[in-house]
PDB file of N, CA and C in Angstrom:
ATOM      1  N   MET A   1      80.653  81.766  93.312  1.00  0.00           N
ATOM      2  CA  MET A   1      80.442  81.584  94.740  1.00  0.00           C
ATOM      3  C   MET A   1      78.942  81.451  94.995  1.00  0.00           C
ATOM      4  N   ALA A   2      78.594  80.553  95.883  1.00  0.00           N
ATOM      5  CA  ALA A   2      77.189  80.247  96.173  1.00  0.00           C
ATOM      6  C   ALA A   2      76.457  81.453  96.749  1.00  0.00           C
ATOM      7  N   LEU A   3      77.151  82.242  97.556  1.00  0.00           N
ATOM      8  CA  LEU A   3      76.522  83.412  98.161  1.00  0.00           C
ATOM      9  C   LEU A   3      76.137  84.435  97.100  1.00  0.00           C
ATOM     10  N   GLN A   4      77.015  84.639  96.128  1.00  0.00           N
ATOM     11  CA  GLN A   4      76.714  85.566  95.032  1.00  0.00           C
ATOM     12  C   GLN A   4      75.540  85.080  94.199  1.00  0.00           C
ATOM     13  N   ARG A   5      75.505  83.793  93.924  1.00  0.00           N
ATOM     14  CA  ARG A   5      74.386  83.247  93.144  1.00  0.00           C
ATOM     15  C   ARG A   5      73.072  83.431  93.880  1.00  0.00           C
ATOM     16  N   ALA A   6      73.079  83.189  95.184  1.00  0.00           N
ATOM     17  CA  ALA A   6      71.864  83.364  95.978  1.00  0.00           C
ATOM     18  C   ALA A   6      71.431  84.826  95.970  1.00  0.00           C
ATOM     19  N   GLN A   7      72.396  85.738  96.116  1.00  0.00           N
ATOM     20  CA  GLN A   7      72.077  87.165  96.082  1.00  0.00           C
ATOM     21  C   GLN A   7      71.437  87.540  94.750  1.00  0.00           C
ATOM     22  N   MET A   8      72.021  87.072  93.653  1.00  0.00           N
ATOM     23  CA  MET A   8      71.502  87.466  92.341  1.00  0.00           C
ATOM     24  C   MET A   8      70.139  86.836  92.061  1.00  0.00           C
ATOM     25  N   ARG A   9      69.892  85.636  92.567  1.00  0.00           N
ATOM     26  CA  ARG A   9      68.559  85.037  92.425  1.00  0.00           C
ATOM     27  C   ARG A   9      67.518  85.917  93.096  1.00  0.00           C
ATOM     28  N   MET A  10      67.847  86.406  94.299  1.00  0.00           N
ATOM     29  CA  MET A  10      66.911  87.269  95.020  1.00  0.00           C
ATOM     30  C   MET A  10      66.740  88.617  94.320  1.00  0.00           C
ATOM     31  N   VAL A  11      67.841  89.174  93.827  1.00  0.00           N
ATOM     32  CA  VAL A  11      67.773  90.464  93.127  1.00  0.00           C
ATOM     33  C   VAL A  11      66.920  90.329  91.877  1.00  0.00           C
ATOM     34  N   ARG A  12      67.126  89.269  91.104  1.00  0.00           N
ATOM     35  CA  ARG A  12      66.319  89.056  89.903  1.00  0.00           C
ATOM     36  C   ARG A  12      64.846  88.882  90.257  1.00  0.00           C
ATOM     37  N   TRP A  13      64.570  88.167  91.334  1.00  0.00           N
ATOM     38  CA  TRP A  13      63.196  87.965  91.774  1.00  0.00           C
ATOM     39  C   TRP A  13      62.548  89.296  92.164  1.00  0.00           C
ATOM     40  N   MET A  14      63.305  90.136  92.913  1.00  0.00           N
ATOM     41  CA  MET A  14      62.776  91.437  93.333  1.00  0.00           C
ATOM     42  C   MET A  14      62.516  92.358  92.151  1.00  0.00           C
ATOM     43  N   CYS A  15      63.350  92.267  91.122  1.00  0.00           N
ATOM     44  CA  CYS A  15      63.193  93.112  89.941  1.00  0.00           C
ATOM     45  C   CYS A  15      62.204  92.512  88.940  1.00  0.00           C
ATOM     46  N   GLY A  16      61.798  91.272  89.134  1.00  0.00           N
ATOM     47  CA  GLY A  16      60.894  90.616  88.192  1.00  0.00           C
ATOM     48  C   GLY A  16      61.558  90.325  86.854  1.00  0.00           C
ATOM     49  N   VAL A  17      62.845  90.019  86.903  1.00  0.00           N
ATOM     50  CA  VAL A  17      63.627  89.775  85.688  1.00  0.00           C
ATOM     51  C   VAL A  17      64.061  88.314  85.668  1.00  0.00           C
ATOM     52  N   LYS A  18      63.974  87.694  84.529  1.00  0.00           N
ATOM     53  CA  LYS A  18      64.430  86.313  84.363  1.00  0.00           C
ATOM     54  C   LYS A  18      65.824  86.322  83.749  1.00  0.00           C
ATOM     55  N   ILE A  19      66.525  85.221  83.893  1.00  0.00           N
ATOM     56  CA  ILE A  19      67.862  85.104  83.313  1.00  0.00           C
ATOM     57  C   ILE A  19      67.786  85.250  81.795  1.00  0.00           C
ATOM     58  N   GLN A  20      66.700  84.747  81.204  1.00  0.00           N
ATOM     59  CA  GLN A  20      66.526  84.804  79.752  1.00  0.00           C
ATOM     60  C   GLN A  20      66.424  86.251  79.249  1.00  0.00           C
ATOM     61  N   ASP A  21      66.076  87.189  80.140  1.00  0.00           N
ATOM     62  CA  ASP A  21      65.981  88.602  79.739  1.00  0.00           C
ATOM     63  C   ASP A  21      67.362  89.221  79.516  1.00  0.00           C
ATOM     64  N   ARG A  22      68.402  88.536  79.982  1.00  0.00           N
ATOM     65  CA  ARG A  22      69.797  88.925  79.774  1.00  0.00           C
ATOM     66  C   ARG A  22      70.100  90.358  80.232  1.00  0.00           C
ATOM     67  N   VAL A  23      69.614  90.704  81.412  1.00  0.00           N
ATOM     68  CA  VAL A  23      69.921  91.999  82.016  1.00  0.00           C
ATOM     69  C   VAL A  23      71.123  91.787  82.927  1.00  0.00           C
ATOM     70  N   PRO A  24      72.186  92.586  82.785  1.00  0.00           N
ATOM     71  CA  PRO A  24      73.395  92.382  83.591  1.00  0.00           C
ATOM     72  C   PRO A  24      73.130  92.524  85.086  1.00  0.00           C
ATOM     73  N   SER A  25      73.838  91.749  85.866  1.00  0.00           N
ATOM     74  CA  SER A  25      73.706  91.765  87.322  1.00  0.00           C
ATOM     75  C   SER A  25      73.999  93.146  87.885  1.00  0.00           C
ATOM     76  N   LYS A  26      75.014  93.777  87.342  1.00  0.00           N
ATOM     77  CA  LYS A  26      75.409  95.107  87.814  1.00  0.00           C
ATOM     78  C   LYS A  26      74.257  96.097  87.668  1.00  0.00           C
ATOM     79  N   GLU A  27      73.559  96.021  86.546  1.00  0.00           N
ATOM     80  CA  GLU A  27      72.425  96.903  86.282  1.00  0.00           C
ATOM     81  C   GLU A  27      71.296  96.657  87.289  1.00  0.00           C
ATOM     82  N   LEU A  28      71.011  95.405  87.579  1.00  0.00           N
ATOM     83  CA  LEU A  28      69.948  95.073  88.534  1.00  0.00           C
ATOM     84  C   LEU A  28      70.297  95.551  89.940  1.00  0.00           C
ATOM     85  N   ARG A  29      71.552  95.361  90.350  1.00  0.00           N
ATOM     86  CA  ARG A  29      71.969  95.842  91.669  1.00  0.00           C
ATOM     87  C   ARG A  29      71.883  97.354  91.738  1.00  0.00           C
ATOM     88  N   LYS A  30      72.218  98.015  90.636  1.00  0.00           N
ATOM     89  CA  LYS A  30      72.140  99.469  90.588  1.00  0.00           C
ATOM     90  C   LYS A  30      70.692  99.939  90.745  1.00  0.00           C
ATOM     91  N   ARG A  31      69.756  99.248  90.097  1.00  0.00           N
ATOM     92  CA  ARG A  31      68.330  99.595  90.207  1.00  0.00           C
ATOM     93  C   ARG A  31      67.854  99.569  91.653  1.00  0.00           C
ATOM     94  N   LEU A  32      68.325  98.584  92.399  1.00  0.00           N
ATOM     95  CA  LEU A  32      67.898  98.422  93.789  1.00  0.00           C
ATOM     96  C   LEU A  32      68.783  99.173  94.780  1.00  0.00           C
ATOM     97  N   GLY A  33      69.888  99.731  94.286  1.00  0.00           N
ATOM     98  CA  GLY A  33      70.805 100.448  95.169  1.00  0.00           C
ATOM     99  C   GLY A  33      71.583  99.516  96.082  1.00  0.00           C
ATOM    100  N   LEU A  34      71.901  98.332  95.593  1.00  0.00           N
ATOM    101  CA  LEU A  34      72.629  97.328  96.378  1.00  0.00           C
ATOM    102  C   LEU A  34      74.074  97.218  95.918  1.00  0.00           C
ATOM    103  N   ASP A  35      74.930  96.824  96.855  1.00  0.00           N
ATOM    104  CA  ASP A  35      76.319  96.520  96.528  1.00  0.00           C
ATOM    105  C   ASP A  35      76.467  95.017  96.406  1.00  0.00           C
ATOM    106  N   ASP A  36      77.536  94.595  95.751  1.00  0.00           N
ATOM    107  CA  ASP A  36      77.847  93.174  95.626  1.00  0.00           C
ATOM    108  C   ASP A  36      78.088  92.601  97.010  1.00  0.00           C
ATOM    109  N   ILE A  37      77.533  91.443  97.289  1.00  0.00           N
ATOM    110  CA  ILE A  37      77.633  90.814  98.614  1.00  0.00           C
ATOM    111  C   ILE A  37      79.087  90.558  99.003  1.00  0.00           C
ATOM    112  N   ILE A  38      79.917  90.237  98.038  1.00  0.00           N
ATOM    113  CA  ILE A  38      81.340  89.987  98.319  1.00  0.00           C
ATOM    114  C   ILE A  38      82.007  91.268  98.824  1.00  0.00           C
ATOM    115  N   SER A  39      81.696  92.394  98.205  1.00  0.00           N
ATOM    116  CA  SER A  39      82.265  93.677  98.628  1.00  0.00           C
ATOM    117  C   SER A  39      81.801  94.065 100.021  1.00  0.00           C
ATOM    118  N   VAL A  40      80.543  93.817 100.316  1.00  0.00           N
ATOM    119  CA  VAL A  40      80.001  94.145 101.638  1.00  0.00           C
ATOM    120  C   VAL A  40      80.689  93.307 102.715  1.00  0.00           C
ATOM    121  N   LEU A  41      80.839  92.015 102.463  1.00  0.00           N
ATOM    122  CA  LEU A  41      81.507  91.141 103.436  1.00  0.00           C
ATOM    123  C   LEU A  41      82.969  91.540 103.621  1.00  0.00           C
ATOM    124  N   GLN A  42      83.620  91.882 102.514  1.00  0.00           N
ATOM    125  CA  GLN A  42      85.026  92.287 102.573  1.00  0.00           C
ATOM    126  C   GLN A  42      85.170  93.568 103.395  1.00  0.00           C
ATOM    127  N   GLN A  43      84.273  94.528 103.176  1.00  0.00           N
ATOM    128  CA  GLN A  43      84.347  95.777 103.934  1.00  0.00           C
ATOM    129  C   GLN A  43      84.132  95.521 105.422  1.00  0.00           C
ATOM    130  N   ASN A  44      83.209  94.629 105.766  1.00  0.00           N
ATOM    131  CA  ASN A  44      82.980  94.308 107.175  1.00  0.00           C
ATOM    132  C   ASN A  44      84.193  93.631 107.801  1.00  0.00           C
ATOM    133  N   ARG A  45      84.863  92.757 107.036  1.00  0.00           N
ATOM    134  CA  ARG A  45      86.090  92.130 107.541  1.00  0.00           C
ATOM    135  C   ARG A  45      87.164  93.178 107.777  1.00  0.00           C
ATOM    136  N   PHE A  46      87.321  94.113 106.833  1.00  0.00           N
ATOM    137  CA  PHE A  46      88.309  95.179 106.988  1.00  0.00           C
ATOM    138  C   PHE A  46      88.002  96.037 108.207  1.00  0.00           C
ATOM    139  N   ARG A  47      86.731  96.342 108.418  1.00  0.00           N
ATOM    140  CA  ARG A  47      86.340  97.177 109.549  1.00  0.00           C
ATOM    141  C   ARG A  47      86.753  96.500 110.862  1.00  0.00           C
ATOM    142  N   TRP A  48      86.462  95.192 110.988  1.00  0.00           N
ATOM    143  CA  TRP A  48      86.822  94.470 112.208  1.00  0.00           C
ATOM    144  C   TRP A  48      88.341  94.336 112.331  1.00  0.00           C
ATOM    145  N   TYR A  49      89.018  94.080 111.222  1.00  0.00           N
ATOM    146  CA  TYR A  49      90.475  93.935 111.228  1.00  0.00           C
ATOM    147  C   TYR A  49      91.128  95.237 111.709  1.00  0.00           C
ATOM    148  N   GLY A  50      90.664  96.380 111.226  1.00  0.00           N
ATOM    149  CA  GLY A  50      91.185  97.670 111.674  1.00  0.00           C
ATOM    150  C   GLY A  50      90.933  97.868 113.155  1.00  0.00           C
ATOM    151  N   HIS A  51      89.746  97.484 113.605  1.00  0.00           N
ATOM    152  CA  HIS A  51      89.392  97.587 115.021  1.00  0.00           C
ATOM    153  C   HIS A  51      90.343  96.730 115.859  1.00  0.00           C
ATOM    154  N   GLU A  52      90.606  95.536 115.395  1.00  0.00           N
ATOM    155  CA  GLU A  52      91.478  94.614 116.117  1.00  0.00           C
ATOM    156  C   GLU A  52      92.916  95.138 116.165  1.00  0.00           C
ATOM    157  N   LEU A  53      93.410  95.674 115.046  1.00  0.00           N
ATOM    158  CA  LEU A  53      94.791  96.160 114.998  1.00  0.00           C
ATOM    159  C   LEU A  53      94.999  97.372 115.904  1.00  0.00           C
ATOM    160  N   GLN A  54      93.957  98.146 116.113  1.00  0.00           N
ATOM    161  CA  GLN A  54      94.078  99.355 116.936  1.00  0.00           C
ATOM    162  C   GLN A  54      94.022  99.061 118.429  1.00  0.00           C
ATOM    163  N   LYS A  55      93.711  97.828 118.791  1.00  0.00           N
ATOM    164  CA  LYS A  55      93.649  97.439 120.210  1.00  0.00           C
ATOM    165  C   LYS A  55      95.051  97.403 120.815  1.00  0.00           C
ATOM    166  N   GLU A  56      95.090  97.497 122.147  1.00  0.00           N
ATOM    167  CA  GLU A  56      96.357  97.373 122.879  1.00  0.00           C
ATOM    168  C   GLU A  56      96.869  95.939 122.734  1.00  0.00           C
ATOM    169  N   ASP A  57      98.176  95.745 122.844  1.00  0.00           N
ATOM    170  CA  ASP A  57      98.765  94.413 122.690  1.00  0.00           C
ATOM    171  C   ASP A  57      98.294  93.424 123.759  1.00  0.00           C
ATOM    172  N   ASN A  58      97.948  93.913 124.943  1.00  0.00           N
ATOM    173  CA  ASN A  58      97.520  93.011 126.011  1.00  0.00           C
ATOM    174  C   ASN A  58      96.000  92.834 126.061  1.00  0.00           C
ATOM    175  N   ASP A  59      95.259  93.372 125.103  1.00  0.00           N
ATOM    176  CA  ASP A  59      93.804  93.251 125.063  1.00  0.00           C
ATOM    177  C   ASP A  59      93.411  91.818 124.722  1.00  0.00           C
ATOM    178  N   TRP A  60      92.357  91.310 125.382  1.00  0.00           N
ATOM    179  CA  TRP A  60      91.958  89.908 125.191  1.00  0.00           C
ATOM    180  C   TRP A  60      91.464  89.630 123.778  1.00  0.00           C
ATOM    181  N   VAL A  61      90.847  90.626 123.128  1.00  0.00           N
ATOM    182  CA  VAL A  61      90.370  90.433 121.749  1.00  0.00           C
ATOM    183  C   VAL A  61      91.558  90.202 120.823  1.00  0.00           C
ATOM    184  N   LYS A  62      92.575  91.028 120.989  1.00  0.00           N
ATOM    185  CA  LYS A  62      93.762  90.895 120.153  1.00  0.00           C
ATOM    186  C   LYS A  62      94.475  89.562 120.421  1.00  0.00           C
ATOM    187  N   LYS A  63      94.532  89.163 121.670  1.00  0.00           N
ATOM    188  CA  LYS A  63      95.160  87.886 122.011  1.00  0.00           C
ATOM    189  C   LYS A  63      94.400  86.725 121.382  1.00  0.00           C
ATOM    190  N   CYS A  64      93.068  86.805 121.406  1.00  0.00           N
ATOM    191  CA  CYS A  64      92.255  85.739 120.800  1.00  0.00           C
ATOM    192  C   CYS A  64      92.472  85.670 119.294  1.00  0.00           C
ATOM    193  N   MET A  65      92.605  86.801 118.640  1.00  0.00           N
ATOM    194  CA  MET A  65      92.791  86.828 117.195  1.00  0.00           C
ATOM    195  C   MET A  65      94.146  86.274 116.789  1.00  0.00           C
ATOM    196  N   GLU A  66      95.130  86.414 117.679  1.00  0.00           N
ATOM    197  CA  GLU A  66      96.474  85.945 117.351  1.00  0.00           C
ATOM    198  C   GLU A  66      96.734  84.518 117.841  1.00  0.00           C
ATOM    199  N   TYR A  67      95.801  83.958 118.584  1.00  0.00           N
ATOM    200  CA  TYR A  67      95.962  82.621 119.137  1.00  0.00           C
ATOM    201  C   TYR A  67      95.919  81.569 118.026  1.00  0.00           C
ATOM    202  N   GLU A  68      96.845  80.633 118.068  1.00  0.00           N
ATOM    203  CA  GLU A  68      96.865  79.551 117.095  1.00  0.00           C
ATOM    204  C   GLU A  68      96.712  78.220 117.812  1.00  0.00           C
ATOM    205  N   VAL A  69      95.778  77.422 117.342  1.00  0.00           N
ATOM    206  CA  VAL A  69      95.524  76.112 117.932  1.00  0.00           C
ATOM    207  C   VAL A  69      96.628  75.163 117.487  1.00  0.00           C
ATOM    208  N   GLU A  70      97.180  74.412 118.437  1.00  0.00           N
ATOM    209  CA  GLU A  70      98.271  73.501 118.121  1.00  0.00           C
ATOM    210  C   GLU A  70      97.781  72.064 118.155  1.00  0.00           C
ATOM    211  N   ASP A  71      96.817  71.763 117.348  1.00  0.00           N
ATOM    212  CA  ASP A  71      96.264  70.424 117.266  1.00  0.00           C
ATOM    213  C   ASP A  71      96.501  69.908 115.849  1.00  0.00           C
ATOM    214  N   ALA A  72      96.490  68.611 115.681  1.00  0.00           N
ATOM    215  CA  ALA A  72      96.680  68.028 114.352  1.00  0.00           C
ATOM    216  C   ALA A  72      95.487  68.399 113.471  1.00  0.00           C
ATOM    217  N   ARG A  73      95.765  68.805 112.261  1.00  0.00           N
ATOM    218  CA  ARG A  73      94.698  69.160 111.342  1.00  0.00           C
ATOM    219  C   ARG A  73      94.259  67.925 110.571  1.00  0.00           C
ATOM    220  N   PRO A  74      93.000  67.909 110.152  1.00  0.00           N
ATOM    221  CA  PRO A  74      92.525  66.758 109.382  1.00  0.00           C
ATOM    222  C   PRO A  74      93.199  66.674 108.019  1.00  0.00           C
ATOM    223  N   ARG A  75      93.051  65.531 107.373  1.00  0.00           N
ATOM    224  CA  ARG A  75      93.649  65.336 106.050  1.00  0.00           C
ATOM    225  C   ARG A  75      93.025  66.274 105.039  1.00  0.00           C
ATOM    226  N   GLY A  76      93.758  66.461 103.953  1.00  0.00           N
ATOM    227  CA  GLY A  76      93.241  67.288 102.868  1.00  0.00           C
ATOM    228  C   GLY A  76      93.676  68.732 102.998  1.00  0.00           C
ATOM    229  N   ARG A  77      93.162  69.539 102.078  1.00  0.00           N
ATOM    230  CA  ARG A  77      93.513  70.955 102.093  1.00  0.00           C
ATOM    231  C   ARG A  77      92.884  71.612 103.309  1.00  0.00           C
ATOM    232  N   PRO A  78      93.680  72.320 104.106  1.00  0.00           N
ATOM    233  CA  PRO A  78      93.126  72.954 105.298  1.00  0.00           C
ATOM    234  C   PRO A  78      92.214  74.128 104.933  1.00  0.00           C
ATOM    235  N   LYS A  79      91.200  74.369 105.755  1.00  0.00           N
ATOM    236  CA  LYS A  79      90.320  75.503 105.540  1.00  0.00           C
ATOM    237  C   LYS A  79      91.108  76.774 105.804  1.00  0.00           C
ATOM    238  N   LYS A  80      90.775  77.824 105.061  1.00  0.00           N
ATOM    239  CA  LYS A  80      91.448  79.097 105.274  1.00  0.00           C
ATOM    240  C   LYS A  80      90.954  79.724 106.563  1.00  0.00           C
ATOM    241  N   THR A  81      91.881  80.342 107.280  1.00  0.00           N
ATOM    242  CA  THR A  81      91.500  81.033 108.503  1.00  0.00           C
ATOM    243  C   THR A  81      91.004  82.431 108.147  1.00  0.00           C
ATOM    244  N   TRP A  82      90.315  83.055 109.093  1.00  0.00           N
ATOM    245  CA  TRP A  82      89.808  84.411 108.895  1.00  0.00           C
ATOM    246  C   TRP A  82      90.964  85.354 108.588  1.00  0.00           C
ATOM    247  N   ARG A  83      92.047  85.205 109.326  1.00  0.00           N
ATOM    248  CA  ARG A  83      93.212  86.082 109.138  1.00  0.00           C
ATOM    249  C   ARG A  83      93.821  85.913 107.739  1.00  0.00           C
ATOM    250  N   GLU A  84      93.906  84.686 107.239  1.00  0.00           N
ATOM    251  CA  GLU A  84      94.450  84.454 105.897  1.00  0.00           C
ATOM    252  C   GLU A  84      93.609  85.161 104.841  1.00  0.00           C
ATOM    253  N   ILE A  85      92.298  85.112 105.002  1.00  0.00           N
ATOM    254  CA  ILE A  85      91.403  85.767 104.047  1.00  0.00           C
ATOM    255  C   ILE A  85      91.585  87.278 104.090  1.00  0.00           C
ATOM    256  N   VAL A  86      91.657  87.836 105.290  1.00  0.00           N
ATOM    257  CA  VAL A  86      91.819  89.288 105.438  1.00  0.00           C
ATOM    258  C   VAL A  86      93.165  89.740 104.875  1.00  0.00           C
ATOM    259  N   GLU A  87      94.212  88.988 105.152  1.00  0.00           N
ATOM    260  CA  GLU A  87      95.538  89.373 104.650  1.00  0.00           C
ATOM    261  C   GLU A  87      95.591  89.302 103.131  1.00  0.00           C
ATOM    262  N   LYS A  88      94.911  88.328 102.539  1.00  0.00           N
ATOM    263  CA  LYS A  88      94.836  88.247 101.075  1.00  0.00           C
ATOM    264  C   LYS A  88      94.076  89.462 100.518  1.00  0.00           C
ATOM    265  N   ASP A  89      92.958  89.810 101.160  1.00  0.00           N
ATOM    266  CA  ASP A  89      92.189  90.986 100.742  1.00  0.00           C
ATOM    267  C   ASP A  89      93.021  92.257 100.847  1.00  0.00           C
ATOM    268  N   CYS A  90      93.796  92.375 101.931  1.00  0.00           N
ATOM    269  CA  CYS A  90      94.655  93.545 102.116  1.00  0.00           C
ATOM    270  C   CYS A  90      95.701  93.630 101.010  1.00  0.00           C
ATOM    271  N   LYS A  91      96.263  92.494 100.665  1.00  0.00           N
ATOM    272  CA  LYS A  91      97.283  92.456  99.615  1.00  0.00           C
ATOM    273  C   LYS A  91      96.681  92.914  98.280  1.00  0.00           C
ATOM    274  N   VAL A  92      95.460  92.446  97.980  1.00  0.00           N
ATOM    275  CA  VAL A  92      94.789  92.819  96.731  1.00  0.00           C
ATOM    276  C   VAL A  92      94.527  94.324  96.683  1.00  0.00           C
ATOM    277  N   ARG A  93      94.103  94.893  97.812  1.00  0.00           N
ATOM    278  CA  ARG A  93      93.784  96.323  97.869  1.00  0.00           C
ATOM    279  C   ARG A  93      94.992  97.198  98.148  1.00  0.00           C
ATOM    280  N   GLY A  94      96.150  96.587  98.461  1.00  0.00           N
ATOM    281  CA  GLY A  94      97.360  97.363  98.727  1.00  0.00           C
ATOM    282  C   GLY A  94      97.351  98.014 100.100  1.00  0.00           C
ATOM    283  N   LEU A  95      96.718  97.384 101.074  1.00  0.00           N
ATOM    284  CA  LEU A  95      96.655  97.914 102.431  1.00  0.00           C
ATOM    285  C   LEU A  95      97.683  97.216 103.300  1.00  0.00           C
ATOM    286  N   ASN A  96      98.107  97.893 104.359  1.00  0.00           N
ATOM    287  CA  ASN A  96      99.003  97.250 105.310  1.00  0.00           C
ATOM    288  C   ASN A  96      98.599  97.613 106.733  1.00  0.00           C
ATOM    289  N   ARG A  97      99.266  97.008 107.708  1.00  0.00           N
ATOM    290  CA  ARG A  97      98.895  97.181 109.121  1.00  0.00           C
ATOM    291  C   ARG A  97      99.021  98.637 109.573  1.00  0.00           C
ATOM    292  N   GLU A  98     100.002  99.350 109.060  1.00  0.00           N
ATOM    293  CA  GLU A  98     100.223 100.735 109.480  1.00  0.00           C
ATOM    294  C   GLU A  98      99.073 101.641 109.042  1.00  0.00           C
ATOM    295  N   ASP A  99      98.436 101.305 107.918  1.00  0.00           N
ATOM    296  CA  ASP A  99      97.298 102.098 107.450  1.00  0.00           C
ATOM    297  C   ASP A  99      96.163 102.089 108.465  1.00  0.00           C
ATOM    298  N   ALA A 100      95.989 101.010 109.190  1.00  0.00           N
ATOM    299  CA  ALA A 100      94.879 100.868 110.133  1.00  0.00           C
ATOM    300  C   ALA A 100      95.046 101.752 111.368  1.00  0.00           C
ATOM    301  N   MET A 101      96.254 102.214 111.635  1.00  0.00           N
ATOM    302  CA  MET A 101      96.473 103.020 112.831  1.00  0.00           C
ATOM    303  C   MET A 101      95.868 104.418 112.708  1.00  0.00           C
ATOM    304  N   ASP A 102      95.675 104.902 111.492  1.00  0.00           N
ATOM    305  CA  ASP A 102      95.003 106.188 111.269  1.00  0.00           C
ATOM    306  C   ASP A 102      93.553 105.881 110.887  1.00  0.00           C
ATOM    307  N   ARG A 103      92.628 106.069 111.829  1.00  0.00           N
ATOM    308  CA  ARG A 103      91.235 105.652 111.650  1.00  0.00           C
ATOM    309  C   ARG A 103      90.572 106.260 110.417  1.00  0.00           C
ATOM    310  N   SER A 104      90.710 107.568 110.247  1.00  0.00           N
ATOM    311  CA  SER A 104      90.021 108.223 109.122  1.00  0.00           C
ATOM    312  C   SER A 104      90.594 107.751 107.782  1.00  0.00           C
ATOM    313  N   ARG A 105      91.894 107.600 107.715  1.00  0.00           N
ATOM    314  CA  ARG A 105      92.522 107.122 106.479  1.00  0.00           C
ATOM    315  C   ARG A 105      92.101 105.679 106.176  1.00  0.00           C
ATOM    316  N   TRP A 106      92.066 104.841 107.209  1.00  0.00           N
ATOM    317  CA  TRP A 106      91.653 103.441 107.052  1.00  0.00           C
ATOM    318  C   TRP A 106      90.218 103.377 106.546  1.00  0.00           C
ATOM    319  N   ARG A 107      89.344 104.212 107.123  1.00  0.00           N
ATOM    320  CA  ARG A 107      87.936 104.236 106.731  1.00  0.00           C
ATOM    321  C   ARG A 107      87.780 104.547 105.236  1.00  0.00           C
ATOM    322  N   LYS A 108      88.545 105.518 104.779  1.00  0.00           N
ATOM    323  CA  LYS A 108      88.477 105.908 103.361  1.00  0.00           C
ATOM    324  C   LYS A 108      88.993 104.788 102.459  1.00  0.00           C
ATOM    325  N   GLN A 109      90.020 104.087 102.891  1.00  0.00           N
ATOM    326  CA  GLN A 109      90.635 103.053 102.068  1.00  0.00           C
ATOM    327  C   GLN A 109      89.799 101.784 101.974  1.00  0.00           C
ATOM    328  N   ILE A 110      88.941 101.539 102.966  1.00  0.00           N
ATOM    329  CA  ILE A 110      88.163 100.300 102.943  1.00  0.00           C
ATOM    330  C   ILE A 110      86.768 100.479 102.368  1.00  0.00           C
ATOM    331  N   GLU A 111      86.441 101.683 101.892  1.00  0.00           N
ATOM    332  CA  GLU A 111      85.122 101.886 101.299  1.00  0.00           C
ATOM    333  C   GLU A 111      84.929 100.943 100.125  1.00  0.00           C
ATOM    334  N   ILE A 112      83.681 100.587  99.888  1.00  0.00           N
ATOM    335  CA  ILE A 112      83.334  99.637  98.830  1.00  0.00           C
ATOM    336  C   ILE A 112      83.648 100.229  97.465  1.00  0.00           C
ATOM    337  N   PHE A 113      84.312  99.439  96.629  1.00  0.00           N
ATOM    338  CA  PHE A 113      84.533  99.803  95.240  1.00  0.00           C
ATOM    339  C   PHE A 113      83.348  99.332  94.436  1.00  0.00           C
ATOM    340  N   ASP A 114      82.901 100.107  93.439  1.00  0.00           N
ATOM    341  CA  ASP A 114      81.765  99.729  92.623  1.00  0.00           C
ATOM    342  C   ASP A 114      82.071  98.535  91.737  1.00  0.00           C
ATOM    343  N   ASP A 115      83.308  98.406  91.315  1.00  0.00           N
ATOM    344  CA  ASP A 115      83.659  97.318  90.380  1.00  0.00           C
ATOM    345  C   ASP A 115      84.584  96.326  91.061  1.00  0.00           C
ATOM    346  N   HIS A 116      84.119  95.716  92.145  1.00  0.00           N
ATOM    347  CA  HIS A 116      84.926  94.754  92.901  1.00  0.00           C
ATOM    348  C   HIS A 116      85.332  93.568  92.009  1.00  0.00           C
ATOM    349  N   ASN A 117      86.602  93.533  91.668  1.00  0.00           N
ATOM    350  CA  ASN A 117      87.188  92.421  90.908  1.00  0.00           C
ATOM    351  C   ASN A 117      86.403  92.080  89.652  1.00  0.00           C
ATOM    352  N   GLY A 118      85.575  92.964  89.143  1.00  0.00           N
ATOM    353  CA  GLY A 118      84.834  92.688  87.909  1.00  0.00           C
ATOM    354  C   GLY A 118      83.792  91.615  88.061  1.00  0.00           C
ATOM    355  N   CYS A 119      83.366  91.296  89.272  1.00  0.00           N
ATOM    356  CA  CYS A 119      82.373  90.248  89.488  1.00  0.00           C
ATOM    357  C   CYS A 119      81.019  90.673  88.952  1.00  0.00           C
ATOM    358  N   GLU A 120      80.325  89.747  88.354  1.00  0.00           N
ATOM    359  CA  GLU A 120      78.968  90.013  87.869  1.00  0.00           C
ATOM    360  C   GLU A 120      78.080  88.884  88.217  1.00  0.00           C
TER     361      GLU A 120
END
């Protein structure tokens, strides 16, 4: 992913390490006390998703999130929607909608994992 590559370029630059030095990405992030950008984005999506699920059914935010545009889509593979990405992430982590109703439990379940999908 381009975002991960950009993050690691900056991390290597901050640490003064070249790719030829063959220092693992995980080690460099640990030195700086940083989390993987993918994990951070995923946690932020989960936080908003939990917030949205806890809203009342007649709340405008919830209505906007559930609104589907009924227009013809362009040719080719359609872009993934925000909801599709979040639901895929939930499936990977084993989360469901009922988990979000208990705020403290949801908070604990969405914390960043150190070894997100083994990405380096």
